[in-house]
Amino acid sequence: MTTGQPESDIDADLEWCYEAVHGVSRTFSITIDRLEEPMARHICLGYLLCRVADTIEDAGHVPPDAQTELLTAYDRLLDPEDPLTVETFMDDVEPWIPADPNEDWTVVAETPRILRTFESLEEAPREIMRDPVRELVDGMAMFTDRYADKGGLRLQTLEELEEYCWYAAGTVGTLITGLVARSASPDRAEEMRQNARSFALLLQLVNIAKDVENDYHEENNVYLPAEWLAEEDVDVEAVTAADNRGGVTNVIRRVTARAENYLDDAQRYLEVVPERHGNRLSAWAIPYLLAVGTMRELRERPEDVVREGDVKISRAEVYAVIQQFEDDVSRSHLSDLRREMSEKPLHH
C-alpha cells in the first residue's frame, strides 16, 4: 500500500519511530538494535502500535470507562474497513495527554505518524501484524471494562493473570512469530507457533513479578493474583504496605516460579527461529537471558520489589550479555548461558 507521502517524509517518520522505541523500552531497544532491515522496521512499528494501547491501559489518570472507550476507538482505527478517522481518535485522546508528556504519552500523541509509517509498509507484513495488534487492543479493552468499578485492574486468579499476560504479551509473540516464520519450513514454523506463547508469558510474568510497586502506585493495577495474596492474609489494596512485605514476597516467589515453567519451551522457540529477512537470534536471545538473570535476582532478593520498588540486574551484566553476541553464538550455547546466569551474574 502506498500512502502518497514523499519517500523522504516516510524515512523521517521511520527515524522518529526508532528513536521513540529507544525512549520507551530498554528491552525492545536492544532487540531492534540487533535486527536488520526489513525486520527492524516491522518489529519497531508493531511494538509502537501496541505501546499506544498499553499506555492508555496503564494510565492511572484516565477513568476506566474512558480507557475502554479509547481502546475500542483505537481498535476501530486499526480496522481498514472502519470509517473512523485518525483525526476523530486524536480528538478523543488529546484531553488525556498530559501537558508535559513523558516518552509513552509522546508516542500516543504521535499516533498519526506511527499509523502513517505502518501503512507505508508492504501489504504482507502489514497484514501479518494487524490482527495480533487488534487482539491485544481488544483484550486490554475487555480488562479495563471488567474492572471499571475498581478503578484499576485487580486480577483474581492465576488463570486470569495468564489470560491478561496473553493479551499483553502473547499477542505480541504471535505478531513476532508471524513475521519471522515466513521463511521457515512448515515444521519449524509450527514449532515456533507452539512455543511462542511460552516465550511471551515468560517475559511478561517476570515483568509483573518485579514491578509490583510501580504497577500499584503509578497505574493503580495489581496483577498478583488476589487468591494468592489472600492465602498470605494480604489485602489487595495493601499490596505495598510495609506490614505485608513478607506475604507479598511469597507471592512474588510463586509468580517467578510460574515464569520458570516456561523457560524450556521459550528456549526451544529460540532454537528454531530463522535468521532471515533481517531477523537475528540475538534480538530475542538477549531478552530471554535478561529474564533468566532477573529471575535469579527475584529468587535471591524478592523483598527488594516491595522494599525498593524494583529488582533489576546490573548494567554490567546487561552489557556482558550483549557482548556474548558480538561474535556468532551457536544456538547450543544458549543452554550454557542460561545455566550460568541462573546461578550468578554473567560478568562475575
Protein backbone atom coordinates (compact mmCIF):
# COMPACT_ATOMS: atom_id res chain seq x y z
CA MET A 1 0.00 0.00 0.00
CA THR A 2 1.18 3.50 -0.71
CA THR A 3 0.37 6.48 1.45
CA GLY A 4 1.09 9.09 -1.16
CA GLN A 5 3.86 10.50 1.02
CA PRO A 6 7.22 11.51 -0.40
CA GLU A 7 9.85 8.90 0.42
CA SER A 8 11.85 11.46 2.40
CA ASP A 9 8.85 12.04 4.69
CA ILE A 10 8.43 8.30 5.24
CA ASP A 11 12.12 7.99 6.10
CA ALA A 12 11.86 10.84 8.60
CA ASP A 13 8.81 9.25 10.21
CA LEU A 14 10.58 5.89 10.46
CA GLU A 15 13.62 7.52 12.04
CA TRP A 16 11.35 9.11 14.65
CA CYS A 17 9.78 5.70 15.34
CA TYR A 18 13.20 4.16 16.01
CA GLU A 19 14.06 6.98 18.42
CA ALA A 20 10.69 6.60 20.15
CA VAL A 21 11.25 2.91 20.88
CA HIS A 22 14.63 3.72 22.41
CA GLY A 23 12.85 6.17 24.71
CA VAL A 24 10.11 3.85 25.99
CA SER A 25 11.61 0.36 26.21
CA ARG A 26 15.13 -0.69 27.09
CA THR A 27 14.40 -4.31 26.16
CA PHE A 28 12.85 -3.63 22.75
CA SER A 29 15.52 -1.04 22.09
CA ILE A 30 18.14 -3.79 22.44
CA THR A 31 16.06 -6.10 20.24
CA ILE A 32 15.64 -3.59 17.42
CA ASP A 33 19.32 -2.64 17.54
CA ARG A 34 20.17 -6.30 16.85
CA LEU A 35 17.78 -6.66 13.90
CA GLU A 36 18.46 -5.68 10.32
CA GLU A 37 16.08 -4.41 7.67
CA PRO A 38 13.32 -5.06 6.91
CA MET A 39 12.66 -6.91 10.18
CA ALA A 40 13.85 -3.97 12.29
CA ARG A 41 11.19 -1.61 10.94
CA HIS A 42 8.46 -4.25 11.13
CA ILE A 43 9.15 -5.02 14.80
CA CYS A 44 9.62 -1.33 15.63
CA LEU A 45 6.26 -0.36 14.19
CA GLY A 46 4.46 -3.38 15.59
CA TYR A 47 5.79 -2.56 19.04
CA LEU A 48 4.77 1.12 18.84
CA LEU A 49 1.25 0.22 17.71
CA CYS A 50 0.96 -1.96 20.82
CA ARG A 51 2.57 0.69 23.03
CA VAL A 52 -0.18 3.20 22.23
CA ALA A 53 -2.77 0.78 23.64
CA ASP A 54 -0.55 -0.22 26.56
CA THR A 55 -0.07 3.41 27.63
CA ILE A 56 -3.83 4.05 27.58
CA GLU A 57 -4.49 0.85 29.55
CA ASP A 58 -1.83 1.73 32.14
CA ALA A 59 -2.91 5.36 32.60
CA GLY A 60 -3.88 5.86 36.23
CA HIS A 61 -5.29 9.33 35.49
CA VAL A 62 -7.75 8.08 32.85
CA PRO A 63 -11.02 6.66 34.27
CA PRO A 64 -11.66 3.02 33.30
CA ASP A 65 -14.75 3.87 31.25
CA ALA A 66 -12.73 6.37 29.22
CA GLN A 67 -9.89 3.84 28.83
CA THR A 68 -12.31 1.30 27.41
CA GLU A 69 -13.80 3.85 25.01
CA LEU A 70 -10.37 4.97 23.80
CA LEU A 71 -9.17 1.39 23.32
CA THR A 72 -12.34 0.49 21.43
CA ALA A 73 -11.86 3.52 19.19
CA TYR A 74 -8.21 2.61 18.64
CA ASP A 75 -9.23 -0.88 17.55
CA ARG A 76 -11.63 0.67 15.05
CA LEU A 77 -8.81 2.88 13.80
CA LEU A 78 -6.73 -0.23 13.07
CA ASP A 79 -9.58 -1.79 11.06
CA PRO A 80 -9.10 -0.80 7.40
CA GLU A 81 -12.83 -1.29 6.80
CA ASP A 82 -13.93 1.06 9.59
CA PRO A 83 -14.66 4.71 8.65
CA LEU A 84 -13.29 6.15 11.91
CA THR A 85 -10.58 8.70 11.12
CA VAL A 86 -7.34 9.29 12.96
CA GLU A 87 -8.43 12.89 13.49
CA THR A 88 -11.52 11.73 15.39
CA PHE A 89 -9.45 9.37 17.51
CA MET A 90 -6.97 12.11 18.36
CA ASP A 91 -9.81 14.47 19.31
CA ASP A 92 -10.90 11.84 21.83
CA VAL A 93 -7.44 11.06 23.22
CA GLU A 94 -5.88 14.53 23.35
CA PRO A 95 -7.72 15.66 26.53
CA TRP A 96 -5.94 12.85 28.38
CA ILE A 97 -2.42 13.60 27.10
CA PRO A 98 -0.51 15.31 29.95
CA ALA A 99 0.62 18.88 29.44
CA ASP A 100 4.21 17.71 29.84
CA PRO A 101 4.04 14.24 28.31
CA ASN A 102 6.62 11.57 29.06
CA GLU A 103 8.00 9.31 26.35
CA ASP A 104 4.98 6.98 26.49
CA TRP A 105 2.44 9.75 26.05
CA THR A 106 4.56 11.32 23.33
CA VAL A 107 4.09 8.04 21.45
CA VAL A 108 0.31 8.31 21.93
CA ALA A 109 0.39 11.93 20.74
CA GLU A 110 2.20 10.77 17.60
CA THR A 111 -0.31 8.03 16.76
CA PRO A 112 -0.97 9.59 13.31
CA ARG A 113 2.74 9.39 12.46
CA ILE A 114 3.01 5.77 13.62
CA LEU A 115 -0.06 4.73 11.61
CA ARG A 116 1.21 6.62 8.57
CA THR A 117 4.51 4.76 8.72
CA PHE A 118 2.77 1.44 9.33
CA GLU A 119 0.53 1.92 6.30
CA SER A 120 3.63 2.60 4.16
CA LEU A 121 4.81 -1.00 4.68
CA GLU A 122 4.29 -3.69 2.10
CA GLU A 123 0.97 -5.48 2.37
CA ALA A 124 2.26 -8.88 3.56
CA PRO A 125 4.00 -7.80 6.79
CA ARG A 126 1.35 -5.17 7.44
CA GLU A 127 -1.46 -7.72 7.41
CA ILE A 128 0.53 -10.22 9.48
CA MET A 129 0.84 -7.54 12.17
CA ARG A 130 -2.67 -6.10 12.12
CA ASP A 131 -4.67 -8.95 13.69
CA PRO A 132 -2.35 -9.57 16.68
CA VAL A 133 -2.26 -5.83 17.46
CA ARG A 134 -6.05 -5.66 17.32
CA GLU A 135 -6.33 -8.73 19.57
CA LEU A 136 -4.09 -7.01 22.11
CA VAL A 137 -6.19 -3.84 21.97
CA ASP A 138 -9.46 -5.80 22.31
CA GLY A 139 -8.08 -7.73 25.27
CA MET A 140 -6.98 -4.60 27.08
CA ALA A 141 -10.39 -3.02 26.48
CA MET A 142 -12.01 -6.14 27.92
CA PHE A 143 -9.91 -5.94 31.09
CA THR A 144 -10.43 -2.22 31.67
CA ASP A 145 -14.16 -2.78 31.26
CA ARG A 146 -14.11 -5.83 33.56
CA TYR A 147 -12.61 -3.82 36.42
CA ALA A 148 -14.19 -0.45 35.67
CA ASP A 149 -15.83 -0.33 39.10
CA LYS A 150 -12.48 -0.93 40.82
CA GLY A 151 -10.66 1.98 39.19
CA GLY A 152 -7.82 -0.33 38.13
CA LEU A 153 -7.08 -3.97 37.39
CA ARG A 154 -7.34 -6.41 40.30
CA LEU A 155 -6.58 -9.84 38.89
CA GLN A 156 -8.15 -12.63 40.92
CA THR A 157 -6.62 -15.95 39.90
CA LEU A 158 -3.57 -17.44 38.22
CA GLU A 159 -5.75 -18.25 35.22
CA GLU A 160 -6.82 -14.63 34.92
CA LEU A 161 -3.23 -13.46 35.30
CA GLU A 162 -2.17 -15.65 32.39
CA GLU A 163 -5.18 -14.54 30.38
CA TYR A 164 -4.03 -10.95 30.87
CA CYS A 165 -0.44 -11.93 30.00
CA TRP A 166 -1.73 -13.43 26.78
CA TYR A 167 -3.31 -10.18 25.67
CA ALA A 168 -0.43 -8.02 26.87
CA ALA A 169 2.42 -10.18 25.54
CA GLY A 170 1.19 -13.38 23.89
CA THR A 171 -0.38 -11.40 21.09
CA VAL A 172 2.97 -9.65 20.57
CA GLY A 173 4.56 -13.10 20.41
CA THR A 174 2.06 -14.03 17.70
CA LEU A 175 2.99 -10.88 15.77
CA ILE A 176 6.70 -11.61 16.03
CA THR A 177 6.24 -15.25 15.07
CA GLY A 178 4.13 -14.35 12.06
CA LEU A 179 6.88 -12.09 10.77
CA VAL A 180 9.91 -14.29 11.45
CA ALA A 181 8.31 -17.63 10.47
CA ARG A 182 7.56 -16.60 6.88
CA SER A 183 10.79 -18.11 5.60
CA ALA A 184 10.79 -21.15 7.88
CA SER A 185 9.89 -24.68 6.88
CA PRO A 186 6.33 -25.74 7.77
CA ASP A 187 7.60 -27.95 10.62
CA ARG A 188 9.82 -25.24 12.06
CA ALA A 189 7.09 -22.60 11.72
CA GLU A 190 4.65 -24.86 13.56
CA GLU A 191 7.14 -25.47 16.36
CA MET A 192 7.60 -21.73 16.72
CA ARG A 193 3.85 -21.19 16.93
CA GLN A 194 3.57 -23.90 19.60
CA ASN A 195 6.24 -22.25 21.78
CA ALA A 196 5.54 -18.56 21.10
CA ARG A 197 3.08 -18.32 24.00
CA SER A 198 5.68 -19.65 26.44
CA PHE A 199 8.29 -17.19 25.22
CA ALA A 200 5.90 -14.25 25.65
CA LEU A 201 4.44 -15.33 29.01
CA LEU A 202 7.92 -15.88 30.43
CA LEU A 203 8.88 -12.27 29.76
CA GLN A 204 5.56 -10.83 30.93
CA LEU A 205 5.42 -12.78 34.18
CA VAL A 206 8.94 -11.66 35.05
CA ASN A 207 7.91 -8.04 34.45
CA ILE A 208 4.87 -8.48 36.71
CA ALA A 209 6.93 -10.08 39.49
CA LYS A 210 9.47 -7.25 39.55
CA ASP A 211 7.16 -4.25 39.06
CA VAL A 212 4.57 -4.68 41.84
CA GLU A 213 5.30 -1.30 43.45
CA ASN A 214 5.18 0.74 40.25
CA ASP A 215 2.13 -1.11 38.91
CA TYR A 216 0.14 -0.20 42.01
CA HIS A 217 1.27 3.36 42.66
CA GLU A 218 1.67 4.58 39.08
CA GLU A 219 -1.05 2.59 37.28
CA ASN A 220 -3.41 1.54 40.10
CA ASN A 221 -3.13 -2.05 38.89
CA VAL A 222 -2.49 -5.19 40.91
CA TYR A 223 -1.52 -8.15 38.75
CA LEU A 224 -0.53 -10.51 41.59
CA PRO A 225 -3.45 -12.97 41.91
CA ALA A 226 -5.82 -11.94 44.69
CA GLU A 227 -6.32 -15.58 45.64
CA TRP A 228 -2.58 -15.95 46.32
CA LEU A 229 -2.49 -12.68 48.27
CA ALA A 230 -5.45 -13.87 50.37
CA GLU A 231 -3.55 -17.02 51.29
CA GLU A 232 -0.92 -14.69 52.78
CA ASP A 233 -3.57 -12.55 54.54
CA VAL A 234 -2.70 -9.60 52.30
CA ASP A 235 -5.48 -7.27 51.22
CA VAL A 236 -5.15 -6.43 47.56
CA GLU A 237 -5.36 -2.70 48.37
CA ALA A 238 -2.44 -3.01 50.78
CA VAL A 239 -0.09 -4.82 48.46
CA THR A 240 2.71 -2.29 49.04
CA ALA A 241 2.18 -1.82 52.77
CA ALA A 242 5.27 -2.39 54.90
CA ASP A 243 3.41 -4.85 57.16
CA ASN A 244 2.66 -7.07 54.17
CA ARG A 245 6.16 -7.37 52.77
CA GLY A 246 6.59 -10.98 53.87
CA GLY A 247 3.32 -12.16 52.33
CA VAL A 248 3.80 -10.22 49.10
CA THR A 249 7.34 -11.58 48.83
CA ASN A 250 5.94 -15.12 48.97
CA VAL A 251 3.53 -14.33 46.14
CA ILE A 252 6.34 -12.81 44.07
CA ARG A 253 8.26 -16.07 44.54
CA ARG A 254 5.24 -18.01 43.25
CA VAL A 255 4.88 -15.81 40.16
CA THR A 256 8.61 -16.18 39.49
CA ALA A 257 8.31 -19.97 39.81
CA ARG A 258 5.43 -19.91 37.35
CA ALA A 259 7.58 -17.99 34.87
CA GLU A 260 10.32 -20.60 35.26
CA ASN A 261 7.90 -23.24 33.97
CA TYR A 262 8.09 -21.55 30.56
CA LEU A 263 11.88 -21.49 30.25
CA ASP A 264 12.32 -24.75 28.33
CA ASP A 265 9.64 -24.02 25.72
CA ALA A 266 10.92 -20.45 25.35
CA GLN A 267 14.41 -21.76 24.72
CA ARG A 268 13.07 -24.17 22.13
CA TYR A 269 11.45 -21.20 20.39
CA LEU A 270 14.88 -19.60 20.12
CA GLU A 271 16.49 -22.80 18.90
CA VAL A 272 14.30 -22.89 15.78
CA VAL A 273 13.85 -19.18 15.00
CA PRO A 274 15.16 -18.48 11.45
CA GLU A 275 17.69 -15.74 10.72
CA ARG A 276 16.22 -14.32 7.54
CA HIS A 277 14.51 -11.10 6.41
CA GLY A 278 16.82 -9.24 8.79
CA ASN A 279 15.96 -11.39 11.80
CA ARG A 280 18.76 -12.34 14.19
CA LEU A 281 18.82 -14.88 17.02
CA SER A 282 20.45 -12.36 19.35
CA ALA A 283 17.46 -10.00 19.10
CA TRP A 284 15.33 -12.50 21.02
CA ALA A 285 18.00 -14.45 22.92
CA ILE A 286 19.20 -11.34 24.78
CA PRO A 287 15.74 -10.54 26.31
CA TYR A 288 15.39 -14.23 27.18
CA LEU A 289 18.72 -14.28 29.03
CA LEU A 290 17.98 -10.97 30.76
CA ALA A 291 14.77 -12.58 32.02
CA VAL A 292 16.80 -15.53 33.31
CA GLY A 293 19.07 -13.12 35.20
CA THR A 294 16.11 -11.18 36.58
CA MET A 295 14.51 -14.41 37.84
CA ARG A 296 17.77 -15.21 39.64
CA GLU A 297 17.60 -11.84 41.39
CA LEU A 298 13.91 -12.35 42.20
CA ARG A 299 14.69 -15.70 43.80
CA GLU A 300 17.57 -14.27 45.82
CA ARG A 301 16.09 -10.93 46.91
CA PRO A 302 12.34 -10.77 46.21
CA GLU A 303 11.88 -8.47 49.20
CA ASP A 304 13.58 -5.68 47.21
CA VAL A 305 10.49 -5.49 44.99
CA VAL A 306 8.38 -4.24 47.89
CA ARG A 307 11.21 -2.53 49.82
CA GLU A 308 12.89 -0.65 46.97
CA GLY A 309 10.26 -0.83 44.23
CA ASP A 310 12.11 -2.95 41.71
CA VAL A 311 14.59 -5.72 41.08
CA LYS A 312 16.99 -5.30 38.20
CA ILE A 313 20.13 -6.96 37.02
CA SER A 314 23.12 -4.66 36.82
CA ARG A 315 24.10 -2.67 33.75
CA ALA A 316 27.39 -4.58 33.80
CA GLU A 317 25.53 -7.86 33.37
CA VAL A 318 23.32 -6.43 30.61
CA TYR A 319 26.47 -5.35 28.80
CA ALA A 320 28.07 -8.78 29.36
CA VAL A 321 25.02 -10.49 27.80
CA ILE A 322 25.11 -8.20 24.78
CA GLN A 323 28.85 -8.79 24.38
CA GLN A 324 28.23 -12.54 24.16
CA PHE A 325 26.55 -11.93 20.81
CA GLU A 326 29.15 -9.64 19.28
CA ASP A 327 30.60 -12.80 17.78
CA ASP A 328 28.46 -15.59 16.36
CA VAL A 329 26.98 -17.64 19.19
CA SER A 330 25.67 -21.08 18.35
CA ARG A 331 22.15 -21.94 19.47
CA SER A 332 23.54 -24.76 21.59
CA HIS A 333 25.43 -22.14 23.64
CA LEU A 334 22.11 -20.80 24.95
CA SER A 335 21.83 -23.67 27.43
CA ASP A 336 25.26 -22.87 28.88
CA LEU A 337 24.46 -19.17 29.17
CA ARG A 338 21.10 -19.90 30.77
CA ARG A 339 22.67 -22.25 33.30
CA GLU A 340 25.41 -19.78 34.21
CA MET A 341 23.03 -16.81 34.54
CA SER A 342 20.59 -18.75 36.67
CA GLU A 343 23.36 -19.23 39.24
CA LYS A 344 25.35 -15.98 39.19
CA PRO A 345 25.74 -12.73 37.25
CA LEU A 346 27.36 -13.34 33.89
CA HIS A 347 30.05 -10.71 34.40
CA HIS A 348 31.30 -12.23 37.68
